[in-house]
Amino acid sequence: MIDVHGVTKRFGSKCAVDRLDLEVKAGELFAFLGPNGAGKTTTIKMICGLLAPTAGTVRIGGFEASSLAARQLLGYVPDQPYLYDKLTGREFLRFVVEMYGLDPDRSARRVLELIDTFEMGDYVDDLCESYSQGMKQRVVFASALVHEPRVLVVDEPLVGLDPRSARIVKDLFVQQARSGCAVLMSTHLLAIAEELADRIGIVDHGRMLATGTLDELRSRVQHHGPLEDLFLKLTGNLRPDVVGLPDSSMKTQHAGSRS
């Protein structure tokens, strides 16, 4: 469903994404990991058609990511939720329904279902300006799902969520993937990736370092500890005494990851 092939994105002389390949299949929950500045959000914006690649191709369900057909398939939750302050949550969801041109009767039932799923009944008719960060995040999640997308892309999905809300969202990711949706999740919370993901991709300096299941990644780097240690080893940020590498080896690895 998501097919990123040989994608490069430059901003002037800066290369944010460098010949990156990424694929997420229908029914798969893919965790997209990397340090700050690794190119994750830039990649996500290209997948969502918000940025055009300098080179390479991005397709959603076989369509160019910038096309209307691709956007009809896609639900996107950014890292910073944005709502219209002078609308209520319910009005915002209806606004999204109208933008997608959805059937009014079916979408009305869908809005009610999502209000129940995200437990928004106590505040959905209040103005969005009164919402906490977690409340806003729930409404944005609901708006991304109102048209029943086949592809769901989320950037730092648990920011600002309390434990109850976080559990709702995590269960939702699994449910969406098991129903056939392709889910791409970018997160700094490695425990969440370890818990939920079918496959993991680790990117640094705009390049994909490794992709695969957790077991495949462990086998590839010959490291069978937690994902956190594996991630830090691949990105050159783990102390040599933790991974059993001599100082000289780690310095070489660290320098190579910055070249």
C-alpha atoms as a PDB file:
ATOM      1  CA  MET A   1       0.000   0.000   0.000  1.00  0.00           C
ATOM      2  CA  ILE A   2       2.880   2.389   0.789  1.00  0.00           C
ATOM      3  CA  ASP A   3       5.732   2.192  -1.712  1.00  0.00           C
ATOM      4  CA  VAL A   4       8.675   4.582  -1.343  1.00  0.00           C
ATOM      5  CA  HIS A   5      11.372   3.870  -3.923  1.00  0.00           C
ATOM      6  CA  GLY A   6      14.747   5.583  -4.196  1.00  0.00           C
ATOM      7  CA  VAL A   7      13.444   8.782  -2.630  1.00  0.00           C
ATOM      8  CA  THR A   8      15.706  11.751  -2.027  1.00  0.00           C
ATOM      9  CA  LYS A   9      14.635  15.087  -0.591  1.00  0.00           C
ATOM     10  CA  ARG A  10      16.926  18.106  -0.588  1.00  0.00           C
ATOM     11  CA  PHE A  11      16.420  21.519   0.958  1.00  0.00           C
ATOM     12  CA  GLY A  12      19.069  23.585  -0.783  1.00  0.00           C
ATOM     13  CA  SER A  13      22.406  21.953   0.035  1.00  0.00           C
ATOM     14  CA  LYS A  14      20.932  19.846   2.856  1.00  0.00           C
ATOM     15  CA  CYS A  15      19.932  16.276   2.045  1.00  0.00           C
ATOM     16  CA  ALA A  16      17.153  15.330   4.474  1.00  0.00           C
ATOM     17  CA  VAL A  17      16.304  11.973   2.857  1.00  0.00           C
ATOM     18  CA  ASP A  18      18.842  10.038   0.817  1.00  0.00           C
ATOM     19  CA  ARG A  19      17.767   7.312  -1.660  1.00  0.00           C
ATOM     20  CA  LEU A  20      15.339   5.794   0.796  1.00  0.00           C
ATOM     21  CA  ASP A  21      13.277   2.662   0.102  1.00  0.00           C
ATOM     22  CA  LEU A  22      10.300   1.774   2.279  1.00  0.00           C
ATOM     23  CA  GLU A  23       7.323  -0.526   1.842  1.00  0.00           C
ATOM     24  CA  VAL A  24       4.311  -1.114   4.071  1.00  0.00           C
ATOM     25  CA  LYS A  25       1.861  -3.806   3.007  1.00  0.00           C
ATOM     26  CA  ALA A  26      -1.851  -4.056   3.665  1.00  0.00           C
ATOM     27  CA  GLY A  27      -2.494  -5.550   7.095  1.00  0.00           C
ATOM     28  CA  GLU A  28       0.945  -4.567   8.412  1.00  0.00           C
ATOM     29  CA  LEU A  29       1.897  -2.321  11.315  1.00  0.00           C
ATOM     30  CA  PHE A  30       5.276  -0.791  10.481  1.00  0.00           C
ATOM     31  CA  ALA A  31       7.290   1.173  13.073  1.00  0.00           C
ATOM     32  CA  PHE A  32       9.489   3.893  11.554  1.00  0.00           C
ATOM     33  CA  LEU A  33      12.318   4.721  13.961  1.00  0.00           C
ATOM     34  CA  GLY A  34      15.252   7.093  13.968  1.00  0.00           C
ATOM     35  CA  PRO A  35      17.042   9.776  16.004  1.00  0.00           C
ATOM     36  CA  ASN A  36      15.976  13.405  15.879  1.00  0.00           C
ATOM     37  CA  GLY A  37      16.791  14.843  12.465  1.00  0.00           C
ATOM     38  CA  ALA A  38      16.963  11.410  10.829  1.00  0.00           C
ATOM     39  CA  GLY A  39      14.428  12.310   8.114  1.00  0.00           C
ATOM     40  CA  LYS A  40      11.338  10.590   9.501  1.00  0.00           C
ATOM     41  CA  THR A  41       8.927  13.516   9.400  1.00  0.00           C
ATOM     42  CA  THR A  42      10.191  14.633   5.981  1.00  0.00           C
ATOM     43  CA  THR A  43       9.555  11.108   4.678  1.00  0.00           C
ATOM     44  CA  ILE A  44       6.099  11.058   6.224  1.00  0.00           C
ATOM     45  CA  LYS A  45       5.212  14.385   4.617  1.00  0.00           C
ATOM     46  CA  MET A  46       6.237  13.000   1.223  1.00  0.00           C
ATOM     47  CA  ILE A  47       4.118   9.886   1.826  1.00  0.00           C
ATOM     48  CA  CYS A  48       1.164  12.136   2.645  1.00  0.00           C
ATOM     49  CA  GLY A  49       1.703  14.281  -0.452  1.00  0.00           C
ATOM     50  CA  LEU A  50       2.620  17.388   1.576  1.00  0.00           C
ATOM     51  CA  LEU A  51       6.147  17.512   0.132  1.00  0.00           C
ATOM     52  CA  ALA A  52       7.358  16.521  -3.309  1.00  0.00           C
ATOM     53  CA  PRO A  53      10.493  14.334  -3.479  1.00  0.00           C
ATOM     54  CA  THR A  54      13.547  15.721  -5.221  1.00  0.00           C
ATOM     55  CA  ALA A  55      14.046  12.286  -6.779  1.00  0.00           C
ATOM     56  CA  GLY A  56      12.390   8.883  -6.579  1.00  0.00           C
ATOM     57  CA  THR A  57       8.741   7.878  -6.334  1.00  0.00           C
ATOM     58  CA  VAL A  58       6.144   7.672  -3.561  1.00  0.00           C
ATOM     59  CA  ARG A  59       2.936   5.729  -4.194  1.00  0.00           C
ATOM     60  CA  ILE A  60      -0.110   4.986  -2.061  1.00  0.00           C
ATOM     61  CA  GLY A  61      -2.176   2.055  -3.273  1.00  0.00           C
ATOM     62  CA  GLY A  62      -0.484   2.374  -6.659  1.00  0.00           C
ATOM     63  CA  PHE A  63      -1.270   6.098  -7.005  1.00  0.00           C
ATOM     64  CA  GLU A  64       1.162   9.016  -6.863  1.00  0.00           C
ATOM     65  CA  ALA A  65       1.177  10.311  -3.288  1.00  0.00           C
ATOM     66  CA  SER A  66       0.191  13.830  -4.383  1.00  0.00           C
ATOM     67  CA  SER A  67      -2.898  12.615  -6.277  1.00  0.00           C
ATOM     68  CA  LEU A  68      -6.485  12.903  -5.073  1.00  0.00           C
ATOM     69  CA  ALA A  69      -6.888   9.131  -5.397  1.00  0.00           C
ATOM     70  CA  ALA A  70      -4.004   8.553  -2.969  1.00  0.00           C
ATOM     71  CA  ARG A  71      -5.350  11.066  -0.469  1.00  0.00           C
ATOM     72  CA  GLN A  72      -8.742   9.359  -0.466  1.00  0.00           C
ATOM     73  CA  LEU A  73      -6.976   6.200   0.730  1.00  0.00           C
ATOM     74  CA  LEU A  74      -4.926   7.925   3.412  1.00  0.00           C
ATOM     75  CA  GLY A  75      -5.475   8.921   7.031  1.00  0.00           C
ATOM     76  CA  TYR A  76      -2.771  11.117   8.579  1.00  0.00           C
ATOM     77  CA  VAL A  77      -2.141  12.104  12.193  1.00  0.00           C
ATOM     78  CA  PRO A  78       0.677  14.694  12.519  1.00  0.00           C
ATOM     79  CA  ASP A  79       2.891  15.073  15.565  1.00  0.00           C
ATOM     80  CA  GLN A  80       1.232  18.399  16.421  1.00  0.00           C
ATOM     81  CA  PRO A  81      -2.579  18.130  16.265  1.00  0.00           C
ATOM     82  CA  TYR A  82      -4.344  21.151  14.791  1.00  0.00           C
ATOM     83  CA  LEU A  83      -8.017  21.947  15.274  1.00  0.00           C
ATOM     84  CA  TYR A  84     -10.150  25.019  14.654  1.00  0.00           C
ATOM     85  CA  ASP A  85     -10.608  26.633  18.063  1.00  0.00           C
ATOM     86  CA  LYS A  86     -14.077  28.001  17.363  1.00  0.00           C
ATOM     87  CA  LEU A  87     -15.498  24.637  16.276  1.00  0.00           C
ATOM     88  CA  THR A  88     -16.588  21.892  18.602  1.00  0.00           C
ATOM     89  CA  GLY A  89     -15.039  18.451  18.176  1.00  0.00           C
ATOM     90  CA  ARG A  90     -18.250  17.198  16.586  1.00  0.00           C
ATOM     91  CA  GLU A  91     -18.342  20.145  14.167  1.00  0.00           C
ATOM     92  CA  PHE A  92     -14.724  19.487  13.227  1.00  0.00           C
ATOM     93  CA  LEU A  93     -15.487  15.855  12.429  1.00  0.00           C
ATOM     94  CA  ARG A  94     -18.480  16.904  10.309  1.00  0.00           C
ATOM     95  CA  PHE A  95     -16.239  19.392   8.509  1.00  0.00           C
ATOM     96  CA  VAL A  96     -13.807  16.579   7.651  1.00  0.00           C
ATOM     97  CA  VAL A  97     -16.728  14.434   6.454  1.00  0.00           C
ATOM     98  CA  GLU A  98     -17.819  17.210   4.089  1.00  0.00           C
ATOM     99  CA  MET A  99     -14.283  17.687   2.762  1.00  0.00           C
ATOM    100  CA  TYR A 100     -14.135  14.012   1.809  1.00  0.00           C
ATOM    101  CA  GLY A 101     -17.599  14.182   0.242  1.00  0.00           C
ATOM    102  CA  LEU A 102     -18.816  11.208   2.253  1.00  0.00           C
ATOM    103  CA  ASP A 103     -22.354   9.877   2.339  1.00  0.00           C
ATOM    104  CA  PRO A 104     -24.131  11.898   5.071  1.00  0.00           C
ATOM    105  CA  ASP A 105     -26.047   9.024   6.676  1.00  0.00           C
ATOM    106  CA  ARG A 106     -23.142   6.587   6.734  1.00  0.00           C
ATOM    107  CA  SER A 107     -20.691   9.226   7.936  1.00  0.00           C
ATOM    108  CA  ALA A 108     -23.055  10.325  10.716  1.00  0.00           C
ATOM    109  CA  ARG A 109     -23.018   6.771  12.051  1.00  0.00           C
ATOM    110  CA  ARG A 110     -19.240   6.671  11.652  1.00  0.00           C
ATOM    111  CA  VAL A 111     -18.813   9.907  13.641  1.00  0.00           C
ATOM    112  CA  LEU A 112     -20.918   8.497  16.495  1.00  0.00           C
ATOM    113  CA  GLU A 113     -18.901   5.282  16.434  1.00  0.00           C
ATOM    114  CA  LEU A 114     -15.604   7.196  16.674  1.00  0.00           C
ATOM    115  CA  ILE A 115     -16.884   9.432  19.468  1.00  0.00           C
ATOM    116  CA  ASP A 116     -17.653   6.248  21.387  1.00  0.00           C
ATOM    117  CA  THR A 117     -14.359   4.539  20.462  1.00  0.00           C
ATOM    118  CA  PHE A 118     -12.266   7.474  21.663  1.00  0.00           C
ATOM    119  CA  GLU A 119     -14.537   8.165  24.665  1.00  0.00           C
ATOM    120  CA  MET A 120     -15.103  11.791  23.643  1.00  0.00           C
ATOM    121  CA  GLY A 121     -18.767  12.090  24.660  1.00  0.00           C
ATOM    122  CA  ASP A 122     -18.084  14.321  27.679  1.00  0.00           C
ATOM    123  CA  TYR A 123     -16.401  17.084  25.662  1.00  0.00           C
ATOM    124  CA  VAL A 124     -17.055  16.591  21.943  1.00  0.00           C
ATOM    125  CA  ASP A 125     -19.654  19.403  21.943  1.00  0.00           C
ATOM    126  CA  ASP A 126     -17.333  21.888  23.689  1.00  0.00           C
ATOM    127  CA  LEU A 127     -15.215  24.323  21.676  1.00  0.00           C
ATOM    128  CA  CYS A 128     -11.829  22.907  20.699  1.00  0.00           C
ATOM    129  CA  GLU A 129     -10.093  25.902  22.297  1.00  0.00           C
ATOM    130  CA  SER A 130     -10.959  24.382  25.692  1.00  0.00           C
ATOM    131  CA  TYR A 131      -9.357  20.991  24.943  1.00  0.00           C
ATOM    132  CA  SER A 132      -6.243  19.581  26.532  1.00  0.00           C
ATOM    133  CA  GLN A 133      -3.504  18.182  24.310  1.00  0.00           C
ATOM    134  CA  GLY A 134      -4.819  14.668  24.839  1.00  0.00           C
ATOM    135  CA  MET A 135      -8.380  15.669  23.934  1.00  0.00           C
ATOM    136  CA  LYS A 136      -7.158  17.320  20.739  1.00  0.00           C
ATOM    137  CA  GLN A 137      -5.168  14.222  19.857  1.00  0.00           C
ATOM    138  CA  ARG A 138      -8.247  12.005  20.200  1.00  0.00           C
ATOM    139  CA  VAL A 139     -10.285  14.249  17.898  1.00  0.00           C
ATOM    140  CA  VAL A 140      -7.490  14.318  15.325  1.00  0.00           C
ATOM    141  CA  PHE A 141      -7.266  10.522  15.410  1.00  0.00           C
ATOM    142  CA  ALA A 142     -11.006  10.295  14.885  1.00  0.00           C
ATOM    143  CA  SER A 143     -10.816  12.728  11.952  1.00  0.00           C
ATOM    144  CA  ALA A 144      -8.092  10.612  10.337  1.00  0.00           C
ATOM    145  CA  LEU A 145     -10.313   7.530  10.529  1.00  0.00           C
ATOM    146  CA  VAL A 146     -13.705   8.991   9.648  1.00  0.00           C
ATOM    147  CA  HIS A 147     -13.400   8.023   5.958  1.00  0.00           C
ATOM    148  CA  GLU A 148     -12.178   4.483   6.818  1.00  0.00           C
ATOM    149  CA  PRO A 149      -8.764   4.808   5.179  1.00  0.00           C
ATOM    150  CA  ARG A 150      -6.788   1.878   3.794  1.00  0.00           C
ATOM    151  CA  VAL A 151      -3.519   3.533   4.853  1.00  0.00           C
ATOM    152  CA  LEU A 152      -2.929   5.169   8.246  1.00  0.00           C
ATOM    153  CA  VAL A 153       0.192   7.282   8.853  1.00  0.00           C
ATOM    154  CA  VAL A 154       0.879   8.593  12.355  1.00  0.00           C
ATOM    155  CA  ASP A 155       3.790  10.744  13.539  1.00  0.00           C
ATOM    156  CA  GLU A 156       4.529  10.436  17.276  1.00  0.00           C
ATOM    157  CA  PRO A 157       1.032   9.126  18.050  1.00  0.00           C
ATOM    158  CA  LEU A 158       1.193   9.032  21.855  1.00  0.00           C
ATOM    159  CA  VAL A 159       2.349  12.617  22.465  1.00  0.00           C
ATOM    160  CA  GLY A 160       0.207  14.187  25.184  1.00  0.00           C
ATOM    161  CA  LEU A 161      -1.915  11.116  25.813  1.00  0.00           C
ATOM    162  CA  ASP A 162      -2.671   9.806  29.293  1.00  0.00           C
ATOM    163  CA  PRO A 163      -2.272   6.051  29.878  1.00  0.00           C
ATOM    164  CA  ARG A 164      -5.966   5.331  29.171  1.00  0.00           C
ATOM    165  CA  SER A 165      -5.892   7.273  25.891  1.00  0.00           C
ATOM    166  CA  ALA A 166      -2.588   5.654  24.933  1.00  0.00           C
ATOM    167  CA  ARG A 167      -4.088   2.200  25.408  1.00  0.00           C
ATOM    168  CA  ILE A 168      -7.081   3.106  23.233  1.00  0.00           C
ATOM    169  CA  VAL A 169      -4.757   4.304  20.468  1.00  0.00           C
ATOM    170  CA  LYS A 170      -2.446   1.290  20.673  1.00  0.00           C
ATOM    171  CA  ASP A 171      -5.393  -1.105  20.487  1.00  0.00           C
ATOM    172  CA  LEU A 172      -6.708   0.895  17.551  1.00  0.00           C
ATOM    173  CA  PHE A 173      -3.437   0.510  15.623  1.00  0.00           C
ATOM    174  CA  VAL A 174      -3.547  -3.244  16.000  1.00  0.00           C
ATOM    175  CA  GLN A 175      -7.234  -3.351  15.082  1.00  0.00           C
ATOM    176  CA  GLN A 176      -6.653  -1.243  11.960  1.00  0.00           C
ATOM    177  CA  ALA A 177      -3.771  -3.428  10.799  1.00  0.00           C
ATOM    178  CA  ARG A 178      -5.666  -6.659  11.424  1.00  0.00           C
ATOM    179  CA  SER A 179      -8.590  -5.313   9.406  1.00  0.00           C
ATOM    180  CA  GLY A 180      -6.288  -4.915   6.382  1.00  0.00           C
ATOM    181  CA  CYS A 181      -5.131  -1.310   6.788  1.00  0.00           C
ATOM    182  CA  ALA A 182      -1.456  -0.479   6.217  1.00  0.00           C
ATOM    183  CA  VAL A 183      -0.268   1.372   9.343  1.00  0.00           C
ATOM    184  CA  LEU A 184       2.980   3.362   9.444  1.00  0.00           C
ATOM    185  CA  MET A 185       3.874   4.673  12.888  1.00  0.00           C
ATOM    186  CA  SER A 186       6.810   6.975  13.609  1.00  0.00           C
ATOM    187  CA  THR A 187       7.727   7.052  17.284  1.00  0.00           C
ATOM    188  CA  HIS A 188      10.557   7.685  19.728  1.00  0.00           C
ATOM    189  CA  LEU A 189       8.966   5.249  22.186  1.00  0.00           C
ATOM    190  CA  LEU A 190      10.892   2.103  21.329  1.00  0.00           C
ATOM    191  CA  ALA A 191       8.939  -0.027  23.795  1.00  0.00           C
ATOM    192  CA  ILE A 192       5.766   0.763  21.830  1.00  0.00           C
ATOM    193  CA  ALA A 193       7.441  -0.293  18.575  1.00  0.00           C
ATOM    194  CA  GLU A 194       8.699  -3.479  20.216  1.00  0.00           C
ATOM    195  CA  GLU A 195       5.227  -4.238  21.580  1.00  0.00           C
ATOM    196  CA  LEU A 196       3.123  -3.512  18.478  1.00  0.00           C
ATOM    197  CA  ALA A 197       5.084  -3.588  15.234  1.00  0.00           C
ATOM    198  CA  ASP A 198       5.024  -6.391  12.693  1.00  0.00           C
ATOM    199  CA  ARG A 199       8.115  -4.890  11.047  1.00  0.00           C
ATOM    200  CA  ILE A 200      10.526  -2.113  11.987  1.00  0.00           C
ATOM    201  CA  GLY A 201      12.574   0.294   9.887  1.00  0.00           C
ATOM    202  CA  ILE A 202      15.470   2.266  11.389  1.00  0.00           C
ATOM    203  CA  VAL A 203      16.613   5.394   9.572  1.00  0.00           C
ATOM    204  CA  ASP A 204      19.482   7.798  10.290  1.00  0.00           C
ATOM    205  CA  HIS A 205      20.714  10.790   8.312  1.00  0.00           C
ATOM    206  CA  GLY A 206      18.027  10.144   5.726  1.00  0.00           C
ATOM    207  CA  ARG A 207      19.166   6.592   4.956  1.00  0.00           C
ATOM    208  CA  MET A 208      17.427   3.365   5.861  1.00  0.00           C
ATOM    209  CA  LEU A 209      19.842   1.388   8.019  1.00  0.00           C
ATOM    210  CA  ALA A 210      17.765  -1.776   8.402  1.00  0.00           C
ATOM    211  CA  THR A 211      14.240  -3.134   8.029  1.00  0.00           C
ATOM    212  CA  GLY A 212      12.629  -6.366   9.175  1.00  0.00           C
ATOM    213  CA  THR A 213      10.940  -8.042  12.085  1.00  0.00           C
ATOM    214  CA  LEU A 214      12.576  -7.593  15.473  1.00  0.00           C
ATOM    215  CA  ASP A 215      14.021 -11.098  15.263  1.00  0.00           C
ATOM    216  CA  GLU A 216      15.393 -10.389  11.783  1.00  0.00           C
ATOM    217  CA  LEU A 217      17.035  -7.179  12.954  1.00  0.00           C
ATOM    218  CA  ARG A 218      18.560  -8.943  15.946  1.00  0.00           C
ATOM    219  CA  SER A 219      19.946 -11.642  13.697  1.00  0.00           C
ATOM    220  CA  ARG A 220      21.315  -9.138  11.187  1.00  0.00           C
ATOM    221  CA  VAL A 221      23.325  -7.186  13.750  1.00  0.00           C
ATOM    222  CA  GLN A 222      24.013 -10.211  15.970  1.00  0.00           C
ATOM    223  CA  HIS A 223      22.517  -8.519  18.989  1.00  0.00           C
ATOM    224  CA  HIS A 224      19.718 -10.184  20.950  1.00  0.00           C
ATOM    225  CA  GLY A 225      18.990  -7.585  23.608  1.00  0.00           C
ATOM    226  CA  PRO A 226      16.043  -5.169  23.737  1.00  0.00           C
ATOM    227  CA  LEU A 227      15.134  -2.978  20.776  1.00  0.00           C
ATOM    228  CA  GLU A 228      16.559   0.064  22.539  1.00  0.00           C
ATOM    229  CA  ASP A 229      20.079  -1.398  22.553  1.00  0.00           C
ATOM    230  CA  LEU A 230      19.716  -2.618  18.974  1.00  0.00           C
ATOM    231  CA  PHE A 231      18.537   0.835  17.863  1.00  0.00           C
ATOM    232  CA  LEU A 232      21.410   2.602  19.603  1.00  0.00           C
ATOM    233  CA  LYS A 233      23.910   0.140  18.156  1.00  0.00           C
ATOM    234  CA  LEU A 234      22.687   0.667  14.601  1.00  0.00           C
ATOM    235  CA  THR A 235      22.685   4.453  14.942  1.00  0.00           C
ATOM    236  CA  GLY A 236      26.136   4.489  16.558  1.00  0.00           C
ATOM    237  CA  ASN A 237      24.979   5.834  19.919  1.00  0.00           C
ATOM    238  CA  LEU A 238      25.500   2.865  22.249  1.00  0.00           C
ATOM    239  CA  ARG A 239      28.503   2.648  24.562  1.00  0.00           C
ATOM    240  CA  PRO A 240      31.020   0.022  23.409  1.00  0.00           C
ATOM    241  CA  ASP A 241      31.044  -1.734  26.773  1.00  0.00           C
ATOM    242  CA  VAL A 242      27.281  -2.382  26.447  1.00  0.00           C
ATOM    243  CA  VAL A 243      27.484  -4.108  23.069  1.00  0.00           C
ATOM    244  CA  GLY A 244      30.895  -5.715  23.568  1.00  0.00           C
ATOM    245  CA  LEU A 245      32.694  -3.677  20.926  1.00  0.00           C
ATOM    246  CA  PRO A 246      36.204  -2.302  21.420  1.00  0.00           C
ATOM    247  CA  ASP A 247      36.453   1.478  21.551  1.00  0.00           C
ATOM    248  CA  SER A 248      38.163   1.626  18.174  1.00  0.00           C
ATOM    249  CA  SER A 249      35.371  -0.404  16.552  1.00  0.00           C
ATOM    250  CA  MET A 250      32.682   1.848  17.960  1.00  0.00           C
ATOM    251  CA  LYS A 251      34.514   4.972  16.850  1.00  0.00           C
ATOM    252  CA  THR A 252      34.753   3.580  13.339  1.00  0.00           C
ATOM    253  CA  GLN A 253      31.070   2.659  13.371  1.00  0.00           C
ATOM    254  CA  HIS A 254      30.095   6.074  14.747  1.00  0.00           C
ATOM    255  CA  ALA A 255      32.146   7.886  12.135  1.00  0.00           C
ATOM    256  CA  GLY A 256      30.669   5.745   9.365  1.00  0.00           C
ATOM    257  CA  SER A 257      27.145   6.559  10.447  1.00  0.00           C
ATOM    258  CA  ARG A 258      27.898  10.262  10.133  1.00  0.00           C
ATOM    259  CA  SER A 259      29.507  10.098   6.692  1.00  0.00           C
END
